[in-house]
Amino acid sequence: MDDRELRKKIQALDPLSDNVEVRSVDDPSSQKLLEGIMEQSNEPRRRSPVGYLAGVAAIAALVLGGVALFNGTSEPEGPPLALSLGESDSLSSCIQLTPDILADVPLAFAGTVTSVEGETVTLSVDEWFVGGDAASVELSAPSGLGALIGSIEFTEGSQYLISAYDGVVNYCGFSGPAASELQAIYDEAFPG
């Protein structure tokens, strides 16, 4: 390939055709355009954790909806769903519970405790708000952390509202006994 052929190929790739007006950098309209470009931040946009939670919740809802549709039933069946009560972290921080934030969790349900044995709590699911279809859920504390269950005092026969992310129960008021205040937040977050 000679220089002439190379120039033609390069010109063919040029996004500006020959009839496009080229202005001087000193032109006022060019200056305005350059100032606008320079004022824009080159920092990458950071997505909030809530946005990620919303995406995960949407995907989970689609997958679970498809499973229910193709199974022809939405009745809970199968083995219990296993969730961890997590590990104690004195440095963890909490955000204020609001219906908008709660609505973005990928898993939430109302359940009644059927047994508390050592480091395992079993709940019969009364209602799935999002993310599941099992008839029961087993909550278990990591080995030796049975006292962690005490952060939510589970009593056999009592109803609880539980939310979880990545298989770990959410604390900081997101999960707990089905008291009227927490129930109102769940009702607003999951209206129907």
Foldseek 3Di string as FASTA:
>chain_A
DDPVVVVVVVQVVDPDDPPDDDDDCPDVVNVVVVVVVVPDDPDDDDDDVLVVLQVLQVVLQVVLVVVCVVVVHLAADDDAAEFEQDDDDPPDDDDDDALSSLLSFNWKFKWAWADDDQFKTKTQTPGTLHRDRHRIYIYGYPPPVSCSCVLADHDHGFMKIWTDHPRHTDDPLSIYGCDPVNVVSPCSNRVD
